[in-house]
Protein backbone atom coordinates (compact mmCIF):
# COMPACT_ATOMS: atom_id res chain seq x y z
CA MET A 1 -158.04 -54.92 -94.06
CA ASN A 2 -154.97 -56.41 -92.37
CA ARG A 3 -154.73 -59.97 -93.67
CA ARG A 4 -153.31 -61.57 -90.51
CA ARG A 5 -155.81 -59.79 -88.24
CA PHE A 6 -158.65 -60.84 -90.55
CA LEU A 7 -157.60 -64.50 -90.48
CA GLN A 8 -157.11 -64.57 -86.70
CA SER A 9 -160.46 -62.91 -85.96
CA SER A 10 -162.24 -65.26 -88.35
CA SER A 11 -160.64 -68.32 -86.75
CA THR A 12 -161.72 -67.18 -83.29
CA ALA A 13 -165.30 -66.60 -84.40
CA LEU A 14 -165.48 -70.03 -86.01
CA ALA A 15 -165.31 -71.91 -82.70
CA ALA A 16 -168.50 -70.24 -81.56
CA SER A 17 -170.39 -70.56 -84.84
CA ALA A 18 -169.51 -73.95 -86.35
CA ALA A 19 -172.38 -75.92 -84.84
CA VAL A 20 -175.12 -73.26 -84.86
CA SER A 21 -178.56 -74.61 -85.75
CA TYR A 22 -181.29 -72.25 -86.90
CA VAL A 23 -184.31 -71.93 -84.65
CA PRO A 24 -186.96 -69.48 -85.95
CA THR A 25 -187.32 -66.40 -83.79
CA THR A 26 -189.93 -63.69 -83.58
CA ILE A 27 -188.49 -60.45 -84.89
CA ALA A 28 -190.42 -57.22 -85.18
CA ALA A 29 -191.61 -56.79 -88.72
CA SER A 30 -189.74 -54.32 -90.86
CA PRO A 31 -191.76 -51.12 -91.43
CA LYS A 32 -191.80 -51.74 -95.16
CA PRO A 33 -191.05 -54.63 -97.51
CA LYS A 34 -187.42 -55.25 -98.34
CA ARG A 35 -186.34 -54.15 -101.80
CA VAL A 36 -184.89 -57.18 -103.54
CA GLY A 37 -182.78 -57.78 -106.62
CA LEU A 38 -181.79 -61.06 -108.29
CA ILE A 39 -178.64 -61.73 -110.34
CA GLY A 40 -179.10 -64.91 -112.38
CA THR A 41 -182.73 -65.57 -113.36
CA GLY A 42 -182.38 -69.21 -114.38
CA TRP A 43 -183.41 -72.37 -112.55
CA TYR A 44 -182.31 -71.78 -108.96
CA GLY A 45 -182.49 -68.01 -109.15
CA LYS A 46 -186.24 -68.23 -109.60
CA CYS A 47 -186.55 -71.03 -107.01
CA ASP A 48 -184.81 -68.85 -104.43
CA LEU A 49 -186.68 -65.64 -105.30
CA TRP A 50 -190.14 -67.20 -105.19
CA ARG A 51 -189.40 -68.90 -101.85
CA LEU A 52 -188.28 -65.55 -100.41
CA ALA A 53 -191.54 -63.99 -101.62
CA GLN A 54 -193.46 -66.80 -99.92
CA VAL A 55 -192.11 -66.10 -96.43
CA ALA A 56 -192.31 -62.28 -96.40
CA PRO A 57 -193.76 -59.41 -98.40
CA VAL A 58 -190.90 -58.14 -100.56
CA ASP A 59 -190.65 -55.66 -103.39
CA ILE A 60 -188.91 -57.31 -106.34
CA VAL A 61 -187.24 -54.22 -107.77
CA SER A 62 -184.49 -55.44 -110.12
CA LEU A 63 -183.49 -58.51 -112.12
CA CYS A 64 -180.24 -59.15 -113.97
CA ASP A 65 -179.20 -61.79 -116.48
CA VAL A 66 -177.04 -62.04 -119.60
CA ASP A 67 -179.75 -64.20 -121.21
CA SER A 68 -182.53 -61.85 -122.32
CA GLN A 69 -185.06 -64.69 -122.67
CA LEU A 70 -184.59 -65.92 -119.12
CA LEU A 71 -184.60 -62.32 -117.90
CA SER A 72 -187.88 -61.43 -119.61
CA GLU A 73 -189.56 -64.64 -118.46
CA CYS A 74 -188.58 -64.00 -114.85
CA ALA A 75 -189.75 -60.37 -115.02
CA ASP A 76 -193.14 -61.46 -116.36
CA ILE A 77 -193.61 -63.99 -113.54
CA ALA A 78 -192.50 -61.46 -110.94
CA ALA A 79 -195.09 -58.96 -112.19
CA GLN A 80 -197.78 -61.63 -111.84
CA LYS A 81 -196.69 -62.54 -108.32
CA GLN A 82 -196.39 -59.00 -106.96
CA LYS A 83 -199.57 -57.50 -105.53
CA SER A 84 -198.69 -54.24 -107.21
CA GLY A 85 -198.39 -55.96 -110.58
CA LYS A 86 -195.23 -53.94 -111.14
CA ARG A 87 -192.66 -55.42 -113.50
CA PRO A 88 -189.11 -55.25 -112.08
CA ARG A 89 -186.40 -53.29 -113.83
CA THR A 90 -184.15 -55.50 -115.93
CA TYR A 91 -180.40 -55.35 -116.50
CA SER A 92 -177.84 -57.29 -118.49
CA ASP A 93 -174.91 -56.06 -116.35
CA TYR A 94 -175.00 -56.61 -112.58
CA ARG A 95 -172.76 -53.58 -112.03
CA LYS A 96 -175.40 -51.25 -113.46
CA MET A 97 -178.09 -52.85 -111.30
CA LEU A 98 -176.03 -52.47 -108.13
CA ALA A 99 -175.01 -48.92 -109.05
CA GLU A 100 -178.63 -47.85 -108.46
CA ARG A 101 -177.96 -48.41 -104.72
CA ASP A 102 -181.63 -48.90 -103.95
CA LEU A 103 -181.67 -52.57 -102.90
CA ASP A 104 -181.82 -54.05 -99.42
CA ILE A 105 -181.19 -57.68 -100.39
CA VAL A 106 -179.52 -59.22 -103.43
CA LEU A 107 -179.85 -62.88 -104.41
CA ILE A 108 -177.01 -64.33 -106.51
CA ALA A 109 -177.67 -67.51 -108.50
CA THR A 110 -175.27 -67.26 -111.43
CA PRO A 111 -172.77 -69.96 -112.50
CA ASP A 112 -170.08 -70.53 -109.89
CA HIS A 113 -167.35 -68.58 -111.68
CA TRP A 114 -169.34 -65.36 -111.16
CA HIS A 115 -170.21 -65.64 -107.45
CA ALA A 116 -167.19 -63.83 -106.03
CA LEU A 117 -167.19 -60.66 -108.12
CA GLN A 118 -170.95 -60.19 -107.86
CA MET A 119 -171.13 -60.85 -104.14
CA ILE A 120 -168.24 -58.49 -103.36
CA GLU A 121 -169.79 -55.73 -105.49
CA ALA A 122 -173.13 -56.24 -103.69
CA CYS A 123 -171.32 -55.83 -100.34
CA LYS A 124 -169.84 -52.56 -101.54
CA ALA A 125 -173.31 -51.42 -102.62
CA GLY A 126 -174.58 -51.87 -99.06
CA CYS A 127 -176.77 -54.91 -99.71
CA ASP A 128 -177.37 -57.95 -97.58
CA ILE A 129 -176.93 -61.08 -99.65
CA TYR A 130 -178.07 -64.62 -100.38
CA VAL A 131 -175.42 -66.27 -102.56
CA GLN A 132 -175.59 -69.76 -103.98
CA LYS A 133 -172.90 -72.27 -103.13
CA PRO A 134 -170.01 -72.69 -103.60
CA THR A 135 -168.78 -69.31 -102.48
CA GLY A 136 -166.05 -69.24 -105.13
CA VAL A 137 -164.28 -71.40 -107.67
CA ASP A 138 -160.92 -70.90 -105.97
CA VAL A 139 -159.83 -70.52 -102.35
CA VAL A 140 -158.64 -66.91 -102.61
CA GLU A 141 -161.92 -65.79 -104.20
CA SER A 142 -163.86 -67.39 -101.38
CA GLN A 143 -161.61 -65.82 -98.74
CA ALA A 144 -162.08 -62.40 -100.35
CA MET A 145 -165.87 -62.84 -100.18
CA LEU A 146 -165.66 -63.43 -96.43
CA ALA A 147 -163.40 -60.39 -96.02
CA ALA A 148 -165.84 -58.19 -97.99
CA ALA A 149 -168.80 -59.30 -95.88
CA ARG A 150 -166.96 -58.48 -92.67
CA LYS A 151 -165.49 -55.18 -93.85
CA HIS A 152 -168.83 -53.86 -95.14
CA LYS A 153 -170.80 -55.39 -92.23
CA ARG A 154 -173.15 -57.32 -94.48
CA VAL A 155 -175.40 -60.24 -93.59
CA VAL A 156 -174.58 -63.02 -96.05
CA GLN A 157 -176.42 -66.33 -96.25
CA VAL A 158 -174.94 -69.10 -98.43
CA GLY A 159 -177.24 -71.54 -100.23
CA THR A 160 -176.14 -74.58 -98.23
CA GLN A 161 -179.73 -75.07 -97.16
CA ARG A 162 -179.34 -78.47 -95.51
CA ARG A 163 -178.84 -76.39 -92.35
CA SER A 164 -182.49 -75.31 -92.72
CA THR A 165 -183.91 -78.69 -93.77
CA PRO A 166 -186.65 -79.61 -91.24
CA HIS A 167 -186.04 -83.35 -90.98
CA LEU A 168 -182.25 -82.86 -90.76
CA ILE A 169 -182.65 -80.31 -87.96
CA GLU A 170 -184.65 -82.98 -86.15
CA ALA A 171 -182.04 -85.67 -86.82
CA LYS A 172 -179.24 -83.43 -85.55
CA ARG A 173 -181.14 -82.60 -82.38
CA ASP A 174 -182.41 -86.10 -81.56
CA PHE A 175 -179.41 -88.26 -82.45
CA ILE A 176 -176.24 -86.12 -82.48
CA ASP A 177 -176.82 -83.20 -80.10
CA SER A 178 -178.49 -85.56 -77.63
CA GLY A 179 -175.48 -87.89 -77.64
CA ARG A 180 -177.65 -90.83 -78.65
CA LEU A 181 -175.27 -91.91 -81.44
CA GLY A 182 -172.30 -91.74 -79.11
CA LYS A 183 -168.86 -90.88 -80.40
CA ILE A 184 -168.79 -90.32 -84.17
CA ALA A 185 -165.38 -91.08 -85.65
CA TYR A 186 -166.33 -91.85 -89.25
CA VAL A 187 -168.79 -90.29 -91.69
CA GLU A 188 -169.45 -91.33 -95.28
CA ILE A 189 -170.70 -88.74 -97.75
CA CYS A 190 -171.53 -89.61 -101.34
CA CYS A 191 -173.27 -88.91 -104.63
CA TYR A 192 -174.04 -91.61 -107.19
CA TRP A 193 -176.12 -89.59 -109.67
CA HIS A 194 -174.81 -89.23 -113.22
CA MET A 195 -174.24 -85.45 -113.25
CA ARG A 196 -172.18 -85.32 -116.47
CA ASN A 197 -174.72 -84.64 -119.28
CA ARG A 198 -174.40 -88.02 -120.92
CA ASP A 199 -177.25 -87.38 -123.35
CA THR A 200 -177.56 -86.26 -126.96
CA LEU A 201 -176.13 -82.86 -126.05
CA ALA A 202 -172.84 -84.55 -125.21
CA THR A 203 -172.03 -84.82 -128.92
CA ALA A 204 -173.50 -81.48 -129.98
CA PRO A 205 -171.12 -79.44 -132.18
CA ASP A 206 -169.78 -76.03 -131.18
CA ALA A 207 -171.79 -73.17 -132.65
CA ALA A 208 -172.35 -69.43 -132.52
CA PRO A 209 -174.05 -68.30 -129.27
CA PRO A 210 -177.79 -67.59 -129.60
CA SER A 211 -178.71 -63.95 -130.12
CA HIS A 212 -180.43 -63.72 -126.73
CA LEU A 213 -177.23 -64.66 -124.85
CA ASP A 214 -174.33 -62.26 -124.23
CA TYR A 215 -171.74 -65.03 -124.24
CA GLU A 216 -168.82 -62.67 -123.66
CA MET A 217 -170.41 -61.48 -120.41
CA TRP A 218 -171.59 -65.00 -119.52
CA THR A 219 -167.96 -66.17 -119.71
CA GLY A 220 -166.70 -63.18 -117.72
CA PRO A 221 -163.49 -64.02 -115.81
CA ALA A 222 -163.49 -67.68 -116.90
CA PRO A 223 -161.39 -68.95 -119.83
CA MET A 224 -163.08 -68.25 -123.15
CA GLN A 225 -164.27 -71.50 -124.76
CA PRO A 226 -166.13 -72.11 -128.02
CA TYR A 227 -169.86 -71.88 -127.31
CA ASN A 228 -171.74 -75.17 -127.09
CA LYS A 229 -175.38 -75.53 -126.16
CA ILE A 230 -174.49 -78.06 -123.47
CA MET A 231 -173.08 -75.14 -121.42
CA HIS A 232 -176.16 -72.97 -121.08
CA PRO A 233 -178.50 -73.16 -119.39
CA ARG A 234 -177.43 -75.42 -116.50
CA GLY A 235 -174.96 -77.64 -118.36
CA TRP A 236 -171.95 -75.53 -117.34
CA ARG A 237 -171.54 -77.68 -114.20
CA ALA A 238 -169.98 -80.39 -116.38
CA PHE A 239 -166.95 -78.17 -117.09
CA MET A 240 -164.14 -77.25 -114.72
CA GLU A 241 -163.78 -73.84 -116.39
CA TYR A 242 -166.94 -72.68 -114.59
CA GLY A 243 -166.97 -74.66 -111.34
CA ASN A 244 -165.35 -77.46 -109.38
CA GLY A 245 -167.10 -80.53 -110.70
CA ILE A 246 -169.23 -82.85 -108.59
CA VAL A 247 -167.07 -82.18 -105.53
CA GLY A 248 -167.79 -78.44 -105.81
CA ASP A 249 -171.46 -79.01 -106.66
CA MET A 250 -172.60 -81.92 -104.50
CA CYS A 251 -169.86 -82.73 -101.98
CA ILE A 252 -170.01 -79.20 -100.58
CA HIS A 253 -173.64 -79.74 -99.55
CA MET A 254 -172.94 -82.98 -97.74
CA LEU A 255 -169.63 -81.83 -96.23
CA ASP A 256 -171.35 -78.70 -94.96
CA THR A 257 -174.14 -80.85 -93.53
CA VAL A 258 -171.62 -82.97 -91.62
CA ARG A 259 -169.69 -79.95 -90.36
CA TRP A 260 -172.93 -78.37 -89.13
CA MET A 261 -174.36 -81.50 -87.55
CA ALA A 262 -171.10 -82.67 -85.96
CA GLY A 263 -169.65 -79.24 -85.11
CA LEU A 264 -166.53 -79.48 -87.30
CA GLY A 265 -164.40 -76.59 -88.60
CA TRP A 266 -161.41 -76.88 -90.94
CA ALA A 267 -160.04 -80.30 -91.90
CA LYS A 268 -156.43 -80.85 -90.89
CA THR A 269 -155.47 -82.80 -94.01
CA ILE A 270 -157.23 -83.53 -97.28
CA HIS A 271 -156.51 -86.29 -99.74
CA SER A 272 -158.38 -87.02 -102.97
CA SER A 273 -157.95 -89.28 -105.97
CA GLY A 274 -159.93 -90.14 -109.10
CA GLY A 275 -160.47 -88.93 -112.64
CA ILE A 276 -162.42 -89.71 -115.80
CA LEU A 277 -162.16 -93.47 -115.58
CA VAL A 278 -165.24 -94.72 -117.47
CA ASP A 279 -167.18 -92.02 -119.35
CA LYS A 280 -164.33 -90.96 -121.64
CA ALA A 281 -166.52 -90.14 -124.66
CA SER A 282 -168.42 -87.30 -122.97
CA ARG A 283 -167.61 -83.63 -123.59
CA ALA A 284 -167.62 -83.12 -119.81
CA ASN A 285 -164.20 -82.62 -118.23
CA ILE A 286 -165.21 -83.14 -114.59
CA THR A 287 -164.31 -86.42 -112.91
CA ASP A 288 -166.71 -89.35 -113.18
CA THR A 289 -165.06 -91.09 -110.22
CA GLN A 290 -163.52 -89.39 -107.20
CA SER A 291 -163.00 -90.03 -103.50
CA ALA A 292 -161.72 -87.67 -100.83
CA THR A 293 -160.79 -88.04 -97.18
CA PHE A 294 -161.20 -85.01 -94.91
CA ASP A 295 -159.22 -85.72 -91.73
CA TYR A 296 -160.47 -83.77 -88.70
CA GLY A 297 -158.27 -85.55 -86.20
CA GLU A 298 -160.70 -87.69 -84.23
CA THR A 299 -163.21 -87.80 -87.09
CA ASN A 300 -162.70 -88.81 -90.72
CA VAL A 301 -165.21 -87.70 -93.34
CA VAL A 302 -164.91 -89.70 -96.57
CA TRP A 303 -166.53 -88.61 -99.85
CA THR A 304 -167.22 -90.77 -102.92
CA HIS A 305 -168.87 -89.93 -106.20
CA ARG A 306 -169.31 -92.24 -109.13
CA THR A 307 -171.42 -91.43 -112.19
CA TRP A 308 -171.60 -95.00 -113.47
CA GLY A 309 -172.59 -98.44 -112.18
CA ASN A 310 -175.00 -99.33 -109.38
CA MET A 311 -175.64 -97.36 -106.21
CA PRO A 312 -174.73 -99.01 -102.90
CA ASP A 313 -178.07 -97.88 -101.42
CA GLU A 314 -180.77 -96.64 -103.79
CA LYS A 315 -182.60 -94.98 -100.89
CA TYR A 316 -179.51 -92.86 -100.17
CA PRO A 317 -177.92 -91.91 -103.52
CA TRP A 318 -176.77 -88.50 -102.22
CA ALA A 319 -176.18 -88.77 -98.53
CA ALA A 320 -174.26 -88.32 -95.29
CA ILE A 321 -174.02 -91.43 -93.11
CA PHE A 322 -172.84 -90.99 -89.52
CA TYR A 323 -171.32 -94.02 -87.78
CA GLY A 324 -171.53 -93.74 -84.01
CA GLU A 325 -170.67 -96.05 -81.15
CA ASN A 326 -174.37 -96.74 -80.56
CA GLY A 327 -175.76 -96.82 -84.07
CA THR A 328 -175.83 -95.39 -87.58
CA LEU A 329 -177.63 -92.27 -88.80
CA LYS A 330 -178.32 -92.10 -92.55
CA THR A 331 -179.33 -88.66 -93.82
CA SER A 332 -180.32 -87.22 -97.18
CA VAL A 333 -182.53 -84.51 -98.62
CA PHE A 334 -185.33 -87.09 -98.78
CA SER A 335 -185.24 -88.77 -95.37
CA TYR A 336 -183.24 -89.99 -92.42
CA ASP A 337 -182.90 -93.39 -90.78
CA TYR A 338 -181.53 -94.22 -87.37
CA VAL A 339 -180.31 -97.82 -87.08
CA PRO A 340 -179.40 -98.81 -83.49
CA ARG A 341 -176.37 -101.04 -83.00
CA THR A 342 -178.14 -103.24 -80.46
CA SER A 343 -181.59 -103.38 -78.86
CA ARG A 344 -180.13 -101.52 -75.87
CA ASP A 345 -179.57 -98.51 -78.16
CA GLY A 346 -183.28 -98.04 -78.84
CA THR A 347 -185.47 -98.77 -81.81
CA ALA A 348 -185.07 -97.87 -85.45
CA VAL A 349 -186.46 -94.51 -86.55
CA HIS A 350 -187.39 -93.37 -90.07
CA ARG A 351 -188.50 -89.89 -91.14
CA ASP A 352 -189.32 -88.57 -94.60
CA GLN A 353 -188.80 -85.01 -95.81
CA VAL A 354 -191.41 -82.35 -95.13
CA MET A 355 -193.07 -81.14 -98.34
CA GLU A 356 -195.49 -78.37 -97.15
CA LEU A 357 -197.63 -78.66 -100.29
CA ASP A 358 -200.84 -78.05 -98.33
CA LYS A 359 -199.45 -74.82 -96.91
CA TYR A 360 -197.90 -73.70 -100.21
CA PRO A 361 -200.08 -75.26 -102.96
CA GLU A 362 -198.40 -73.10 -105.60
CA ASP A 363 -195.35 -75.34 -105.24
CA LYS A 364 -197.25 -78.15 -106.96
CA ASP A 365 -197.21 -76.49 -110.37
CA GLU A 366 -193.99 -74.48 -110.32
CA LYS A 367 -191.73 -75.40 -113.22
CA ASP A 368 -188.50 -77.22 -112.23
CA LEU A 369 -189.03 -76.72 -108.49
CA GLU A 370 -187.47 -79.43 -106.32
CA LYS A 371 -190.54 -79.70 -104.10
CA HIS A 372 -188.73 -81.61 -101.38
CA VAL A 373 -186.17 -78.78 -101.09
CA ALA A 374 -188.65 -75.90 -101.03
CA PRO A 375 -189.20 -75.99 -97.22
CA ALA A 376 -185.43 -75.79 -96.65
CA ILE A 377 -185.13 -72.78 -98.97
CA ARG A 378 -188.00 -71.08 -97.16
CA GLY A 379 -186.34 -71.73 -93.81
CA HIS A 380 -183.06 -70.36 -95.15
CA MET A 381 -184.80 -67.23 -96.43
CA GLN A 382 -186.65 -66.68 -93.15
CA ASN A 383 -183.37 -67.01 -91.27
CA LEU A 384 -181.80 -64.46 -93.65
CA LEU A 385 -184.63 -61.99 -93.05
CA ASP A 386 -184.43 -62.46 -89.28
CA CYS A 387 -180.70 -61.75 -89.39
CA VAL A 388 -181.13 -58.73 -91.64
CA GLU A 389 -183.27 -57.26 -88.84
CA SER A 390 -181.13 -58.44 -85.89
CA ARG A 391 -177.73 -58.11 -87.66
CA ASN A 392 -176.77 -61.54 -86.30
CA ARG A 393 -174.96 -64.04 -88.47
CA PRO A 394 -177.21 -66.50 -90.30
CA VAL A 395 -177.08 -70.27 -89.97
CA ALA A 396 -175.13 -70.58 -93.24
CA ASP A 397 -173.02 -67.47 -92.71
CA ILE A 398 -170.42 -66.67 -95.36
CA GLU A 399 -167.66 -67.98 -93.07
CA GLN A 400 -169.29 -71.40 -92.92
CA GLY A 401 -169.81 -71.33 -96.68
CA HIS A 402 -166.16 -70.35 -97.18
CA ILE A 403 -164.88 -73.24 -95.06
CA SER A 404 -167.02 -75.84 -96.83
CA SER A 405 -166.31 -74.42 -100.29
CA ALA A 406 -162.57 -74.02 -99.81
CA THR A 407 -162.23 -77.50 -98.34
CA CYS A 408 -163.87 -79.00 -101.43
CA ILE A 409 -161.64 -76.94 -103.70
CA LEU A 410 -158.61 -78.25 -101.80
CA ALA A 411 -159.85 -81.80 -102.43
CA ASN A 412 -159.81 -81.10 -106.16
CA LEU A 413 -156.30 -79.66 -105.90
CA SER A 414 -155.19 -82.81 -104.06
CA GLN A 415 -156.66 -84.96 -106.84
CA GLN A 416 -154.91 -82.89 -109.50
CA LEU A 417 -151.56 -82.93 -107.70
CA GLY A 418 -151.73 -86.56 -106.60
CA ARG A 419 -150.83 -85.91 -102.97
CA SER A 420 -152.30 -85.04 -99.58
CA LEU A 421 -152.59 -81.40 -98.52
CA THR A 422 -152.18 -80.11 -94.97
CA TRP A 423 -154.11 -76.89 -94.43
CA ASP A 424 -153.17 -74.00 -92.13
CA PRO A 425 -156.39 -72.00 -91.54
CA LEU A 426 -154.55 -69.11 -89.85
CA LYS A 427 -152.10 -68.53 -92.69
CA HIS A 428 -154.69 -69.69 -95.22
CA GLU A 429 -152.19 -71.79 -97.09
CA VAL A 430 -151.12 -75.36 -97.71
CA VAL A 431 -148.27 -76.26 -95.39
CA GLY A 432 -144.93 -76.68 -97.17
CA ASP A 433 -146.36 -76.90 -100.70
CA ARG A 434 -145.53 -73.95 -102.96
CA GLN A 435 -147.09 -75.54 -106.02
CA ALA A 436 -150.41 -76.08 -104.25
CA ASN A 437 -150.36 -72.53 -102.88
CA ARG A 438 -149.88 -71.12 -106.38
CA MET A 439 -153.09 -72.94 -107.35
CA LEU A 440 -155.21 -71.31 -104.64
CA ALA A 441 -156.13 -68.53 -107.08
CA ARG A 442 -157.08 -69.15 -110.69
CA LYS A 443 -156.05 -66.82 -113.48
CA TYR A 444 -158.76 -64.38 -114.55
CA ARG A 445 -159.49 -63.48 -118.13
CA SER A 446 -158.86 -59.80 -118.90
CA PRO A 447 -160.26 -57.25 -118.17
CA TRP A 448 -161.63 -58.90 -115.02
CA VAL A 449 -159.43 -58.59 -111.92
CA HIS A 450 -159.15 -61.39 -109.37
CA PRO A 451 -160.18 -60.33 -105.84
CA THR A 452 -157.94 -60.84 -102.80
CA VAL A 453 -158.27 -59.92 -99.14
CA THR A 454 -155.82 -57.05 -99.54
CA LYS A 455 -157.90 -55.53 -102.37
CA ILE A 456 -161.23 -55.55 -100.50
């Protein structure tokens, strides 16, 4: 694919798609259930798969994981949930699963450092895809994922499911789309949860990997580190080797929310600062304090995370707060609040999240399910299925996921370099900064090969 033509066509499409909001549509039912595979059978892999099975009859054909215990547990649950009682095939290598070429949809919920290679391979195998955020751990990976989706004409939904969160869809419609807030020139986004594994595991010694984990394959293209039980399962987010810290984990959700609700594309400049300022004893190497400013010209979006001290607002510990001429709109996964500036701007409005426990009582007892997020995942999955049938782009299309992911990665690069970065979305490079541009792609561990647009 010609790189310049790819970038120009993507930029043109963005203007029409940046502010899309999902509205359920009635699509003729597929003649038979979609054949589904899952790569990554841990916490969110199962959450995503079971929500998909709730909104449509699907045939769970294949499961893949490098942890045989997680894999077997997921296969057992899938057999119980399927009307046929059939146990899915299981694989330890995603390439073997995809080589069967018998899947319609693949869900990817592995650690971040695996998303790109697995998603690109699924595109080549002719699958439509649901991939967890962020789209990649470096900008070039993420760009290659977008190129693969377009080249192979795949429908790809990214797990930035705030775009399918019922109370946030309402807030967007009633207070931003309607113009009720007025001009929005400043948005605060934040996370004040701890997020750095400051428990007894933080001092656990390195050890041999457990026999049920293929640690070589788990590490994959990432740098090989001594195994420590804090890494798996779920603790890998505390290490930059496998992701992009709290900015790549939590900021991407809120930045994507703001871009969707306010209709924003690429930031013009990005500046970030911070580091490990307080929690120096932890094994974690992600920042415990970091701020970032995403300058969109007439709108500034400012991120803050801090894993220590008090929260400014305990009702909004992970949030996006829109400041408009006529009032303030506070939004989170739990609720939203509209606070008018004066009595002429209306009355205050509060809404809580929709839980849907009466409609889906099985949610009540599901292990580790974030019950308040389940409706958003279901909405995201329904949108994916609608788009698989219509071949339209989903609400969290891979291009939107790429923009939000890459912007957060650029914030981390700014923090590391200690300077602002000006981004050129057409050339897909930092303006006038060779050092920053060399950091847009991370080195892969052999024998894994880093993807680029020209290799897709």
